[in-house]
Amino acid sequence: MPKNYQRSDRVEKLAKEVLGEAVQGLKDPRIGFATVTSVKISPDLRKAKVYVSALGSEEERQDTVEAIQHAAPHLRSVLGREVRLKHLPTLEVLEDLTAEHGERIEQLLRGLGVSKPPEIEPLDDPSEK
């Protein structure tokens, strides 16, 4: 793996921590319970997609994501204070729909009569004999 990808991976982890704490500190009343689930930074470290998971109704989740999007310049400045980078990435805040997709797949599987995957018995370890 090239070095710049390793660096972007490290920056992603650090950005997730910093932005997660910063989102928790936002005082906007539109923001409900929200968590930064991941941050994906471009290889050149100029753009960052910040994925946010929010709880509540569709409208509450949408309001939360919009409020965090509105706070993106503030979040970017917090990131700049906490992480030393030559170029501070622009932030794009997106709702993380992974949990919803997983729930929908589970519903579809239940509709087909599949409750959970079949149990697979482990193979005997030949070194025990």
C-alpha atoms as a PDB file:
ATOM      1  CA  MET A   1       0.000   0.000   0.000  1.00  0.00           C
ATOM      2  CA  PRO A   2       1.467   3.413  -0.940  1.00  0.00           C
ATOM      3  CA  LYS A   3       2.479   5.716   1.906  1.00  0.00           C
ATOM      4  CA  ASN A   4      -0.074   8.417   1.144  1.00  0.00           C
ATOM      5  CA  TYR A   5      -2.895   5.914   1.707  1.00  0.00           C
ATOM      6  CA  GLN A   6      -1.435   4.897   5.049  1.00  0.00           C
ATOM      7  CA  ARG A   7      -1.262   8.544   5.993  1.00  0.00           C
ATOM      8  CA  SER A   8      -4.836   9.189   4.876  1.00  0.00           C
ATOM      9  CA  ASP A   9      -5.936   6.174   6.955  1.00  0.00           C
ATOM     10  CA  ARG A  10      -4.246   7.629  10.038  1.00  0.00           C
ATOM     11  CA  VAL A  11      -5.731  11.056   9.356  1.00  0.00           C
ATOM     12  CA  GLU A  12      -9.193   9.476   8.908  1.00  0.00           C
ATOM     13  CA  LYS A  13      -8.990   7.817  12.340  1.00  0.00           C
ATOM     14  CA  LEU A  14      -7.825  10.992  14.013  1.00  0.00           C
ATOM     15  CA  ALA A  15     -10.414  13.119  12.191  1.00  0.00           C
ATOM     16  CA  LYS A  16     -13.185  10.721  13.264  1.00  0.00           C
ATOM     17  CA  GLU A  17     -12.165  11.115  16.914  1.00  0.00           C
ATOM     18  CA  VAL A  18     -11.804  14.894  16.758  1.00  0.00           C
ATOM     19  CA  LEU A  19     -15.001  15.481  14.770  1.00  0.00           C
ATOM     20  CA  GLY A  20     -16.952  13.015  16.916  1.00  0.00           C
ATOM     21  CA  GLU A  21     -16.085  14.997  20.035  1.00  0.00           C
ATOM     22  CA  ALA A  22     -16.761  18.298  18.257  1.00  0.00           C
ATOM     23  CA  VAL A  23     -20.224  17.159  17.106  1.00  0.00           C
ATOM     24  CA  GLN A  24     -21.085  16.179  20.682  1.00  0.00           C
ATOM     25  CA  GLY A  25     -20.145  19.706  21.767  1.00  0.00           C
ATOM     26  CA  LEU A  26     -22.389  21.500  19.258  1.00  0.00           C
ATOM     27  CA  LYS A  27     -25.148  23.523  20.928  1.00  0.00           C
ATOM     28  CA  ASP A  28     -27.632  23.625  18.029  1.00  0.00           C
ATOM     29  CA  PRO A  29     -31.091  22.553  19.314  1.00  0.00           C
ATOM     30  CA  ARG A  30     -31.805  20.782  16.005  1.00  0.00           C
ATOM     31  CA  ILE A  31     -29.067  18.256  16.741  1.00  0.00           C
ATOM     32  CA  GLY A  32     -30.374  15.139  18.418  1.00  0.00           C
ATOM     33  CA  PHE A  33     -28.291  12.108  19.261  1.00  0.00           C
ATOM     34  CA  ALA A  34     -25.662  11.961  16.531  1.00  0.00           C
ATOM     35  CA  THR A  35     -22.474   9.987  16.102  1.00  0.00           C
ATOM     36  CA  VAL A  36     -19.678  10.359  13.565  1.00  0.00           C
ATOM     37  CA  THR A  37     -19.464   6.804  12.219  1.00  0.00           C
ATOM     38  CA  SER A  38     -16.632   7.284   9.736  1.00  0.00           C
ATOM     39  CA  VAL A  39     -14.548   9.805   7.862  1.00  0.00           C
ATOM     40  CA  LYS A  40     -13.272   9.146   4.353  1.00  0.00           C
ATOM     41  CA  ILE A  41     -10.503  11.459   3.196  1.00  0.00           C
ATOM     42  CA  SER A  42      -9.346  11.732  -0.403  1.00  0.00           C
ATOM     43  CA  PRO A  43      -5.795  10.527  -1.086  1.00  0.00           C
ATOM     44  CA  ASP A  44      -4.609  14.131  -1.537  1.00  0.00           C
ATOM     45  CA  LEU A  45      -6.125  15.013   1.884  1.00  0.00           C
ATOM     46  CA  ARG A  46      -8.120  17.921   0.405  1.00  0.00           C
ATOM     47  CA  LYS A  47     -11.680  16.591   0.816  1.00  0.00           C
ATOM     48  CA  ALA A  48     -13.296  14.653   3.631  1.00  0.00           C
ATOM     49  CA  LYS A  49     -16.676  12.937   3.724  1.00  0.00           C
ATOM     50  CA  VAL A  50     -17.975  12.822   7.281  1.00  0.00           C
ATOM     51  CA  TYR A  51     -20.626  10.139   7.804  1.00  0.00           C
ATOM     52  CA  VAL A  52     -23.053  10.810  10.642  1.00  0.00           C
ATOM     53  CA  SER A  53     -25.574   8.444  12.165  1.00  0.00           C
ATOM     54  CA  ALA A  54     -28.529  10.118  13.857  1.00  0.00           C
ATOM     55  CA  LEU A  55     -31.405   8.685  15.883  1.00  0.00           C
ATOM     56  CA  GLY A  56     -35.042   9.710  15.705  1.00  0.00           C
ATOM     57  CA  SER A  57     -37.737  10.055  13.101  1.00  0.00           C
ATOM     58  CA  GLU A  58     -36.889  10.765   9.474  1.00  0.00           C
ATOM     59  CA  GLU A  59     -37.494  14.486  10.045  1.00  0.00           C
ATOM     60  CA  GLU A  60     -35.378  14.584  13.230  1.00  0.00           C
ATOM     61  CA  ARG A  61     -32.510  12.760  11.524  1.00  0.00           C
ATOM     62  CA  GLN A  62     -32.687  15.107   8.547  1.00  0.00           C
ATOM     63  CA  ASP A  63     -32.693  18.159  10.863  1.00  0.00           C
ATOM     64  CA  THR A  64     -29.694  16.780  12.734  1.00  0.00           C
ATOM     65  CA  VAL A  65     -27.685  16.193   9.566  1.00  0.00           C
ATOM     66  CA  GLU A  66     -28.608  19.642   8.200  1.00  0.00           C
ATOM     67  CA  ALA A  67     -27.522  21.292  11.464  1.00  0.00           C
ATOM     68  CA  ILE A  68     -24.188  19.452  11.362  1.00  0.00           C
ATOM     69  CA  GLN A  69     -23.761  20.444   7.703  1.00  0.00           C
ATOM     70  CA  HIS A  70     -24.394  24.043   8.743  1.00  0.00           C
ATOM     71  CA  ALA A  71     -21.699  23.678  11.420  1.00  0.00           C
ATOM     72  CA  ALA A  72     -19.140  22.246   8.937  1.00  0.00           C
ATOM     73  CA  PRO A  73     -16.977  25.426   8.882  1.00  0.00           C
ATOM     74  CA  HIS A  74     -16.765  25.339  12.690  1.00  0.00           C
ATOM     75  CA  LEU A  75     -15.977  21.603  12.655  1.00  0.00           C
ATOM     76  CA  ARG A  76     -13.283  22.234  10.053  1.00  0.00           C
ATOM     77  CA  SER A  77     -11.655  24.871  12.263  1.00  0.00           C
ATOM     78  CA  VAL A  78     -11.745  22.489  15.244  1.00  0.00           C
ATOM     79  CA  LEU A  79     -10.097  19.839  13.075  1.00  0.00           C
ATOM     80  CA  GLY A  80      -7.458  22.363  12.026  1.00  0.00           C
ATOM     81  CA  ARG A  81      -6.628  23.179  15.651  1.00  0.00           C
ATOM     82  CA  GLU A  82      -6.358  19.520  16.668  1.00  0.00           C
ATOM     83  CA  VAL A  83      -4.630  17.988  13.629  1.00  0.00           C
ATOM     84  CA  ARG A  84      -1.579  19.469  11.908  1.00  0.00           C
ATOM     85  CA  LEU A  85      -2.092  19.242   8.165  1.00  0.00           C
ATOM     86  CA  LYS A  86      -0.591  21.200   5.316  1.00  0.00           C
ATOM     87  CA  HIS A  87      -4.020  21.462   3.689  1.00  0.00           C
ATOM     88  CA  LEU A  88      -7.141  21.360   5.809  1.00  0.00           C
ATOM     89  CA  PRO A  89      -9.763  19.244   4.034  1.00  0.00           C
ATOM     90  CA  THR A  90     -13.157  20.637   3.147  1.00  0.00           C
ATOM     91  CA  LEU A  91     -15.876  18.711   4.967  1.00  0.00           C
ATOM     92  CA  GLU A  92     -18.925  17.156   3.364  1.00  0.00           C
ATOM     93  CA  VAL A  93     -21.397  15.874   5.952  1.00  0.00           C
ATOM     94  CA  LEU A  94     -23.513  12.905   4.877  1.00  0.00           C
ATOM     95  CA  GLU A  95     -26.021  10.738   6.713  1.00  0.00           C
ATOM     96  CA  ASP A  96     -24.791   7.196   7.323  1.00  0.00           C
ATOM     97  CA  LEU A  97     -27.630   4.892   6.297  1.00  0.00           C
ATOM     98  CA  THR A  98     -25.795   1.628   6.978  1.00  0.00           C
ATOM     99  CA  ALA A  99     -28.004   0.698   9.942  1.00  0.00           C
ATOM    100  CA  GLU A 100     -31.172   1.333   7.928  1.00  0.00           C
ATOM    101  CA  HIS A 101     -29.903  -0.774   5.033  1.00  0.00           C
ATOM    102  CA  GLY A 102     -29.019  -3.604   7.415  1.00  0.00           C
ATOM    103  CA  GLU A 103     -32.454  -3.438   9.025  1.00  0.00           C
ATOM    104  CA  ARG A 104     -34.144  -3.514   5.606  1.00  0.00           C
ATOM    105  CA  ILE A 105     -32.112  -6.555   4.536  1.00  0.00           C
ATOM    106  CA  GLU A 106     -33.028  -8.278   7.797  1.00  0.00           C
ATOM    107  CA  GLN A 107     -36.725  -7.563   7.166  1.00  0.00           C
ATOM    108  CA  LEU A 108     -36.466  -9.011   3.665  1.00  0.00           C
ATOM    109  CA  LEU A 109     -34.731 -12.129   4.963  1.00  0.00           C
ATOM    110  CA  ARG A 110     -37.384 -12.585   7.657  1.00  0.00           C
ATOM    111  CA  GLY A 111     -40.017 -12.275   4.934  1.00  0.00           C
ATOM    112  CA  LEU A 112     -38.335 -15.138   3.109  1.00  0.00           C
ATOM    113  CA  GLY A 113     -38.363 -17.238   6.278  1.00  0.00           C
ATOM    114  CA  VAL A 114     -34.654 -16.952   6.968  1.00  0.00           C
ATOM    115  CA  SER A 115     -34.207 -16.098  10.629  1.00  0.00           C
ATOM    116  CA  LYS A 116     -30.454 -16.560  10.985  1.00  0.00           C
ATOM    117  CA  PRO A 117     -27.685 -18.376   9.155  1.00  0.00           C
ATOM    118  CA  PRO A 118     -27.356 -22.106   9.823  1.00  0.00           C
ATOM    119  CA  GLU A 119     -24.895 -23.156  12.491  1.00  0.00           C
ATOM    120  CA  ILE A 120     -21.656 -24.541  11.136  1.00  0.00           C
ATOM    121  CA  GLU A 121     -19.844 -26.980  13.352  1.00  0.00           C
ATOM    122  CA  PRO A 122     -16.111 -26.409  13.690  1.00  0.00           C
ATOM    123  CA  LEU A 123     -13.785 -28.937  12.141  1.00  0.00           C
ATOM    124  CA  ASP A 124     -11.861 -31.192  14.478  1.00  0.00           C
ATOM    125  CA  ASP A 125      -8.360 -29.932  15.110  1.00  0.00           C
ATOM    126  CA  PRO A 126      -5.969 -32.656  13.809  1.00  0.00           C
ATOM    127  CA  SER A 127      -3.291 -31.546  16.280  1.00  0.00           C
ATOM    128  CA  GLU A 128      -5.483 -32.676  19.197  1.00  0.00           C
ATOM    129  CA  LYS A 129      -5.316 -36.330  18.128  1.00  0.00           C
END
